[in-house]
Amino acid sequence: QDDPELHLAQIQAYNNWLSEFCSHDL
């Protein structure tokens, strides 16, 4: 939490990857 930009970038990268994974069969 001491670097909000890195915090958010990590979370958004994970969420984007998860969407890619689920997109294989929605």
PDB file of all heavy atoms in Angstrom:
ATOM      1  N   GLN A   1       0.800  -1.218   0.000  1.00  0.00           N
ATOM      2  CA  GLN A   1       0.000   0.000   0.000  1.00  0.00           C
ATOM      3  C   GLN A   1       0.833   1.269   0.000  1.00  0.00           C
ATOM      4  O   GLN A   1       0.279   2.356  -0.185  1.00  0.00           O
ATOM      5  CB  GLN A   1      -0.944  -0.008   1.210  1.00  0.00           C
ATOM      6  CG  GLN A   1      -1.958  -1.140   1.176  1.00  0.00           C
ATOM      7  CD  GLN A   1      -2.722  -1.257   2.475  1.00  0.00           C
ATOM      8  OE1 GLN A   1      -2.141  -1.418   3.546  1.00  0.00           O
ATOM      9  NE2 GLN A   1      -4.040  -1.174   2.389  1.00  0.00           N
ATOM     10  N   ASP A   2       2.149   1.156   0.213  1.00  0.00           N
ATOM     11  CA  ASP A   2       2.950   2.370   0.293  1.00  0.00           C
ATOM     12  C   ASP A   2       3.283   2.952  -1.077  1.00  0.00           C
ATOM     13  O   ASP A   2       3.810   4.049  -1.178  1.00  0.00           O
ATOM     14  CB  ASP A   2       4.238   2.125   1.082  1.00  0.00           C
ATOM     15  CG  ASP A   2       5.079   0.995   0.514  1.00  0.00           C
ATOM     16  OD1 ASP A   2       4.612   0.348  -0.437  1.00  0.00           O
ATOM     17  OD2 ASP A   2       6.174   0.757   1.044  1.00  0.00           O
ATOM     18  N   ASP A   3       2.974   2.197  -2.136  1.00  0.00           N
ATOM     19  CA  ASP A   3       3.119   2.706  -3.501  1.00  0.00           C
ATOM     20  C   ASP A   3       1.812   2.448  -4.237  1.00  0.00           C
ATOM     21  O   ASP A   3       1.621   1.404  -4.870  1.00  0.00           O
ATOM     22  CB  ASP A   3       4.281   2.011  -4.218  1.00  0.00           C
ATOM     23  CG  ASP A   3       4.616   2.662  -5.560  1.00  0.00           C
ATOM     24  OD1 ASP A   3       3.692   3.212  -6.195  1.00  0.00           O
ATOM     25  OD2 ASP A   3       5.788   2.615  -5.967  1.00  0.00           O
ATOM     26  N   PRO A   4       0.864   3.371  -4.161  1.00  0.00           N
ATOM     27  CA  PRO A   4      -0.460   3.135  -4.746  1.00  0.00           C
ATOM     28  C   PRO A   4      -0.438   2.810  -6.237  1.00  0.00           C
ATOM     29  O   PRO A   4      -1.251   2.012  -6.708  1.00  0.00           O
ATOM     30  CB  PRO A   4      -1.200   4.454  -4.471  1.00  0.00           C
ATOM     31  CG  PRO A   4      -0.511   5.036  -3.284  1.00  0.00           C
ATOM     32  CD  PRO A   4       0.926   4.656  -3.439  1.00  0.00           C
ATOM     33  N   GLU A   5       0.488   3.412  -6.993  1.00  0.00           N
ATOM     34  CA  GLU A   5       0.527   3.145  -8.429  1.00  0.00           C
ATOM     35  C   GLU A   5       0.950   1.706  -8.704  1.00  0.00           C
ATOM     36  O   GLU A   5       0.380   1.038  -9.575  1.00  0.00           O
ATOM     37  CB  GLU A   5       1.475   4.125  -9.122  1.00  0.00           C
ATOM     38  CG  GLU A   5       0.952   5.549  -9.178  1.00  0.00           C
ATOM     39  CD  GLU A   5       1.817   6.429 -10.052  1.00  0.00           C
ATOM     40  OE1 GLU A   5       2.833   5.932 -10.591  1.00  0.00           O
ATOM     41  OE2 GLU A   5       1.489   7.617 -10.205  1.00  0.00           O
ATOM     42  N   LEU A   6       1.945   1.210  -7.984  1.00  0.00           N
ATOM     43  CA  LEU A   6       2.371  -0.173  -8.160  1.00  0.00           C
ATOM     44  C   LEU A   6       1.287  -1.127  -7.679  1.00  0.00           C
ATOM     45  O   LEU A   6       1.020  -2.154  -8.316  1.00  0.00           O
ATOM     46  CB  LEU A   6       3.673  -0.420  -7.405  1.00  0.00           C
ATOM     47  CG  LEU A   6       4.251  -1.838  -7.503  1.00  0.00           C
ATOM     48  CD1 LEU A   6       4.557  -2.196  -8.958  1.00  0.00           C
ATOM     49  CD2 LEU A   6       5.504  -1.955  -6.638  1.00  0.00           C
ATOM     50  N   HIS A   7       0.664  -0.807  -6.572  1.00  0.00           N
ATOM     51  CA  HIS A   7      -0.459  -1.583  -6.034  1.00  0.00           C
ATOM     52  C   HIS A   7      -1.535  -1.780  -7.105  1.00  0.00           C
ATOM     53  O   HIS A   7      -1.955  -2.903  -7.391  1.00  0.00           O
ATOM     54  CB  HIS A   7      -1.025  -0.833  -4.819  1.00  0.00           C
ATOM     55  CG  HIS A   7      -2.288  -1.388  -4.239  1.00  0.00           C
ATOM     56  ND1 HIS A   7      -2.301  -2.184  -3.108  1.00  0.00           N
ATOM     57  CD2 HIS A   7      -3.585  -1.254  -4.604  1.00  0.00           C
ATOM     58  CE1 HIS A   7      -3.542  -2.512  -2.811  1.00  0.00           C
ATOM     59  NE2 HIS A   7      -4.341  -1.956  -3.709  1.00  0.00           N
ATOM     60  N   LEU A   8      -1.941  -0.677  -7.720  1.00  0.00           N
ATOM     61  CA  LEU A   8      -3.008  -0.746  -8.714  1.00  0.00           C
ATOM     62  C   LEU A   8      -2.545  -1.453  -9.986  1.00  0.00           C
ATOM     63  O   LEU A   8      -3.306  -2.233 -10.586  1.00  0.00           O
ATOM     64  CB  LEU A   8      -3.496   0.665  -9.040  1.00  0.00           C
ATOM     65  CG  LEU A   8      -4.681   0.772 -10.001  1.00  0.00           C
ATOM     66  CD1 LEU A   8      -5.895   0.033  -9.459  1.00  0.00           C
ATOM     67  CD2 LEU A   8      -5.026   2.242 -10.244  1.00  0.00           C
ATOM     68  N   ALA A   9      -1.299  -1.220 -10.396  1.00  0.00           N
ATOM     69  CA  ALA A   9      -0.797  -1.856 -11.615  1.00  0.00           C
ATOM     70  C   ALA A   9      -0.758  -3.369 -11.471  1.00  0.00           C
ATOM     71  O   ALA A   9      -1.085  -4.101 -12.415  1.00  0.00           O
ATOM     72  CB  ALA A   9       0.594  -1.320 -11.942  1.00  0.00           C
ATOM     73  N   GLN A  10      -0.366  -3.868 -10.294  1.00  0.00           N
ATOM     74  CA  GLN A  10      -0.346  -5.304 -10.059  1.00  0.00           C
ATOM     75  C   GLN A  10      -1.752  -5.897 -10.155  1.00  0.00           C
ATOM     76  O   GLN A  10      -1.967  -6.938 -10.783  1.00  0.00           O
ATOM     77  CB  GLN A  10       0.232  -5.606  -8.673  1.00  0.00           C
ATOM     78  CG  GLN A  10       1.698  -5.331  -8.539  1.00  0.00           C
ATOM     79  CD  GLN A  10       2.244  -5.682  -7.165  1.00  0.00           C
ATOM     80  OE1 GLN A  10       3.425  -5.873  -6.985  1.00  0.00           O
ATOM     81  NE2 GLN A  10       1.381  -5.779  -6.170  1.00  0.00           N
ATOM     82  N   ILE A  11      -2.701  -5.234  -9.527  1.00  0.00           N
ATOM     83  CA  ILE A  11      -4.073  -5.730  -9.500  1.00  0.00           C
ATOM     84  C   ILE A  11      -4.684  -5.703 -10.891  1.00  0.00           C
ATOM     85  O   ILE A  11      -5.343  -6.670 -11.323  1.00  0.00           O
ATOM     86  CB  ILE A  11      -4.899  -4.911  -8.491  1.00  0.00           C
ATOM     87  CG1 ILE A  11      -4.487  -5.295  -7.064  1.00  0.00           C
ATOM     88  CG2 ILE A  11      -6.402  -5.108  -8.713  1.00  0.00           C
ATOM     89  CD1 ILE A  11      -5.121  -4.448  -5.989  1.00  0.00           C
ATOM     90  N   GLN A  12      -4.465  -4.634 -11.637  1.00  0.00           N
ATOM     91  CA  GLN A  12      -5.033  -4.561 -12.981  1.00  0.00           C
ATOM     92  C   GLN A  12      -4.414  -5.599 -13.907  1.00  0.00           C
ATOM     93  O   GLN A  12      -5.123  -6.186 -14.742  1.00  0.00           O
ATOM     94  CB  GLN A  12      -4.851  -3.156 -13.542  1.00  0.00           C
ATOM     95  CG  GLN A  12      -5.722  -2.122 -12.844  1.00  0.00           C
ATOM     96  CD  GLN A  12      -5.613  -0.751 -13.456  1.00  0.00           C
ATOM     97  OE1 GLN A  12      -4.594  -0.389 -14.051  1.00  0.00           O
ATOM     98  NE2 GLN A  12      -6.667   0.044 -13.324  1.00  0.00           N
ATOM     99  N   ALA A  13      -3.124  -5.852 -13.777  1.00  0.00           N
ATOM    100  CA  ALA A  13      -2.493  -6.882 -14.596  1.00  0.00           C
ATOM    101  C   ALA A  13      -3.104  -8.245 -14.310  1.00  0.00           C
ATOM    102  O   ALA A  13      -3.386  -9.029 -15.241  1.00  0.00           O
ATOM    103  CB  ALA A  13      -0.982  -6.908 -14.338  1.00  0.00           C
ATOM    104  N   TYR A  14      -3.328  -8.541 -13.028  1.00  0.00           N
ATOM    105  CA  TYR A  14      -3.948  -9.820 -12.685  1.00  0.00           C
ATOM    106  C   TYR A  14      -5.366  -9.896 -13.250  1.00  0.00           C
ATOM    107  O   TYR A  14      -5.761 -10.911 -13.834  1.00  0.00           O
ATOM    108  CB  TYR A  14      -3.987 -10.021 -11.164  1.00  0.00           C
ATOM    109  CG  TYR A  14      -4.849 -11.197 -10.788  1.00  0.00           C
ATOM    110  CD1 TYR A  14      -4.351 -12.497 -10.860  1.00  0.00           C
ATOM    111  CD2 TYR A  14      -6.187 -11.024 -10.425  1.00  0.00           C
ATOM    112  CE1 TYR A  14      -5.155 -13.587 -10.570  1.00  0.00           C
ATOM    113  CE2 TYR A  14      -6.996 -12.101 -10.130  1.00  0.00           C
ATOM    114  CZ  TYR A  14      -6.476 -13.386 -10.201  1.00  0.00           C
ATOM    115  OH  TYR A  14      -7.284 -14.463  -9.929  1.00  0.00           O
ATOM    116  N   ASN A  15      -6.151  -8.856 -13.066  1.00  0.00           N
ATOM    117  CA  ASN A  15      -7.530  -8.874 -13.557  1.00  0.00           C
ATOM    118  C   ASN A  15      -7.584  -9.042 -15.072  1.00  0.00           C
ATOM    119  O   ASN A  15      -8.454  -9.738 -15.602  1.00  0.00           O
ATOM    120  CB  ASN A  15      -8.258  -7.599 -13.130  1.00  0.00           C
ATOM    121  CG  ASN A  15      -8.502  -7.537 -11.629  1.00  0.00           C
ATOM    122  OD1 ASN A  15      -8.458  -8.555 -10.937  1.00  0.00           O
ATOM    123  ND2 ASN A  15      -8.756  -6.342 -11.114  1.00  0.00           N
ATOM    124  N   ASN A  16      -6.656  -8.409 -15.781  1.00  0.00           N
ATOM    125  CA  ASN A  16      -6.610  -8.556 -17.236  1.00  0.00           C
ATOM    126  C   ASN A  16      -6.281  -9.991 -17.630  1.00  0.00           C
ATOM    127  O   ASN A  16      -6.886 -10.547 -18.559  1.00  0.00           O
ATOM    128  CB  ASN A  16      -5.581  -7.591 -17.831  1.00  0.00           C
ATOM    129  CG  ASN A  16      -6.007  -6.135 -17.714  1.00  0.00           C
ATOM    130  OD1 ASN A  16      -7.173  -5.835 -17.464  1.00  0.00           O
ATOM    131  ND2 ASN A  16      -5.060  -5.234 -17.881  1.00  0.00           N
ATOM    132  N   TRP A  17      -5.310 -10.584 -16.941  1.00  0.00           N
ATOM    133  CA  TRP A  17      -4.964 -11.981 -17.252  1.00  0.00           C
ATOM    134  C   TRP A  17      -6.142 -12.910 -16.961  1.00  0.00           C
ATOM    135  O   TRP A  17      -6.437 -13.818 -17.740  1.00  0.00           O
ATOM    136  CB  TRP A  17      -3.748 -12.429 -16.448  1.00  0.00           C
ATOM    137  CG  TRP A  17      -3.466 -13.885 -16.658  1.00  0.00           C
ATOM    138  CD1 TRP A  17      -2.791 -14.452 -17.705  1.00  0.00           C
ATOM    139  CD2 TRP A  17      -3.904 -14.969 -15.827  1.00  0.00           C
ATOM    140  NE1 TRP A  17      -2.771 -15.818 -17.574  1.00  0.00           N
ATOM    141  CE2 TRP A  17      -3.449 -16.167 -16.434  1.00  0.00           C
ATOM    142  CE3 TRP A  17      -4.630 -15.046 -14.637  1.00  0.00           C
ATOM    143  CZ2 TRP A  17      -3.700 -17.428 -15.883  1.00  0.00           C
ATOM    144  CZ3 TRP A  17      -4.878 -16.293 -14.085  1.00  0.00           C
ATOM    145  CH2 TRP A  17      -4.415 -17.471 -14.710  1.00  0.00           C
ATOM    146  N   LEU A  18      -6.822 -12.693 -15.841  1.00  0.00           N
ATOM    147  CA  LEU A  18      -7.955 -13.538 -15.486  1.00  0.00           C
ATOM    148  C   LEU A  18      -9.040 -13.463 -16.554  1.00  0.00           C
ATOM    149  O   LEU A  18      -9.660 -14.479 -16.905  1.00  0.00           O
ATOM    150  CB  LEU A  18      -8.512 -13.116 -14.133  1.00  0.00           C
ATOM    151  CG  LEU A  18      -9.669 -13.937 -13.579  1.00  0.00           C
ATOM    152  CD1 LEU A  18      -9.252 -15.394 -13.356  1.00  0.00           C
ATOM    153  CD2 LEU A  18     -10.195 -13.330 -12.279  1.00  0.00           C
ATOM    154  N   SER A  19      -9.287 -12.277 -17.075  1.00  0.00           N
ATOM    155  CA  SER A  19     -10.265 -12.129 -18.153  1.00  0.00           C
ATOM    156  C   SER A  19      -9.841 -12.919 -19.382  1.00  0.00           C
ATOM    157  O   SER A  19     -10.664 -13.571 -20.039  1.00  0.00           O
ATOM    158  CB  SER A  19     -10.445 -10.650 -18.500  1.00  0.00           C
ATOM    159  OG  SER A  19     -11.247 -10.493 -19.653  1.00  0.00           O
ATOM    160  N   GLU A  20      -8.560 -12.865 -19.714  1.00  0.00           N
ATOM    161  CA  GLU A  20      -8.051 -13.643 -20.845  1.00  0.00           C
ATOM    162  C   GLU A  20      -8.292 -15.136 -20.625  1.00  0.00           C
ATOM    163  O   GLU A  20      -8.700 -15.856 -21.550  1.00  0.00           O
ATOM    164  CB  GLU A  20      -6.560 -13.375 -21.029  1.00  0.00           C
ATOM    165  CG  GLU A  20      -6.218 -11.950 -21.416  1.00  0.00           C
ATOM    166  CD  GLU A  20      -4.730 -11.672 -21.294  1.00  0.00           C
ATOM    167  OE1 GLU A  20      -3.943 -12.656 -21.305  1.00  0.00           O
ATOM    168  OE2 GLU A  20      -4.336 -10.504 -21.172  1.00  0.00           O
ATOM    169  N   PHE A  21      -8.042 -15.604 -19.426  1.00  0.00           N
ATOM    170  CA  PHE A  21      -8.242 -17.013 -19.095  1.00  0.00           C
ATOM    171  C   PHE A  21      -9.715 -17.395 -19.280  1.00  0.00           C
ATOM    172  O   PHE A  21     -10.044 -18.384 -19.944  1.00  0.00           O
ATOM    173  CB  PHE A  21      -7.801 -17.256 -17.649  1.00  0.00           C
ATOM    174  CG  PHE A  21      -7.821 -18.688 -17.207  1.00  0.00           C
ATOM    175  CD1 PHE A  21      -6.664 -19.441 -17.214  1.00  0.00           C
ATOM    176  CD2 PHE A  21      -8.996 -19.290 -16.764  1.00  0.00           C
ATOM    177  CE1 PHE A  21      -6.670 -20.774 -16.795  1.00  0.00           C
ATOM    178  CE2 PHE A  21      -9.022 -20.606 -16.349  1.00  0.00           C
ATOM    179  CZ  PHE A  21      -7.853 -21.357 -16.369  1.00  0.00           C
ATOM    180  N   CYS A  22     -10.613 -16.603 -18.696  1.00  0.00           N
ATOM    181  CA  CYS A  22     -12.038 -16.919 -18.761  1.00  0.00           C
ATOM    182  C   CYS A  22     -12.595 -16.808 -20.175  1.00  0.00           C
ATOM    183  O   CYS A  22     -13.562 -17.502 -20.523  1.00  0.00           O
ATOM    184  CB  CYS A  22     -12.821 -15.994 -17.834  1.00  0.00           C
ATOM    185  SG  CYS A  22     -12.459 -16.224 -16.079  1.00  0.00           S
ATOM    186  N   SER A  23     -11.989 -15.972 -20.994  1.00  0.00           N
ATOM    187  CA  SER A  23     -12.483 -15.759 -22.347  1.00  0.00           C
ATOM    188  C   SER A  23     -12.383 -17.012 -23.211  1.00  0.00           C
ATOM    189  O   SER A  23     -13.015 -17.090 -24.268  1.00  0.00           O
ATOM    190  CB  SER A  23     -11.718 -14.608 -23.012  1.00  0.00           C
ATOM    191  OG  SER A  23     -12.006 -13.385 -22.365  1.00  0.00           O
ATOM    192  N   HIS A  24     -11.621 -17.995 -22.768  1.00  0.00           N
ATOM    193  CA  HIS A  24     -11.522 -19.242 -23.514  1.00  0.00           C
ATOM    194  C   HIS A  24     -12.882 -19.920 -23.631  1.00  0.00           C
ATOM    195  O   HIS A  24     -13.173 -20.569 -24.635  1.00  0.00           O
ATOM    196  CB  HIS A  24     -10.516 -20.169 -22.845  1.00  0.00           C
ATOM    197  CG  HIS A  24     -10.254 -21.424 -23.605  1.00  0.00           C
ATOM    198  ND1 HIS A  24      -9.388 -21.466 -24.675  1.00  0.00           N
ATOM    199  CD2 HIS A  24     -10.758 -22.684 -23.474  1.00  0.00           C
ATOM    200  CE1 HIS A  24      -9.357 -22.693 -25.163  1.00  0.00           C
ATOM    201  NE2 HIS A  24     -10.180 -23.449 -24.467  1.00  0.00           N
ATOM    202  N   ASP A  25     -13.730 -19.775 -22.588  1.00  0.00           N
ATOM    203  CA  ASP A  25     -15.098 -20.314 -22.632  1.00  0.00           C
ATOM    204  C   ASP A  25     -15.935 -19.544 -21.629  1.00  0.00           C
ATOM    205  O   ASP A  25     -15.959 -19.859 -20.435  1.00  0.00           O
ATOM    206  CB  ASP A  25     -15.114 -21.810 -22.305  1.00  0.00           C
ATOM    207  CG  ASP A  25     -16.473 -22.449 -22.591  1.00  0.00           C
ATOM    208  OD1 ASP A  25     -17.490 -21.729 -22.555  1.00  0.00           O
ATOM    209  OD2 ASP A  25     -16.520 -23.665 -22.860  1.00  0.00           O
ATOM    210  N   LEU A  26     -16.633 -18.529 -22.118  1.00  0.00           N
ATOM    211  CA  LEU A  26     -17.386 -17.639 -21.235  1.00  0.00           C
ATOM    212  C   LEU A  26     -18.604 -18.299 -20.611  1.00  0.00           C
ATOM    213  O   LEU A  26     -19.163 -17.779 -19.641  1.00  0.00           O
ATOM    214  CB  LEU A  26     -17.811 -16.390 -22.016  1.00  0.00           C
ATOM    215  CG  LEU A  26     -16.664 -15.501 -22.496  1.00  0.00           C
ATOM    216  CD1 LEU A  26     -17.202 -14.369 -23.365  1.00  0.00           C
ATOM    217  CD2 LEU A  26     -15.875 -14.939 -21.324  1.00  0.00           C
TER     218      LEU A  26
END
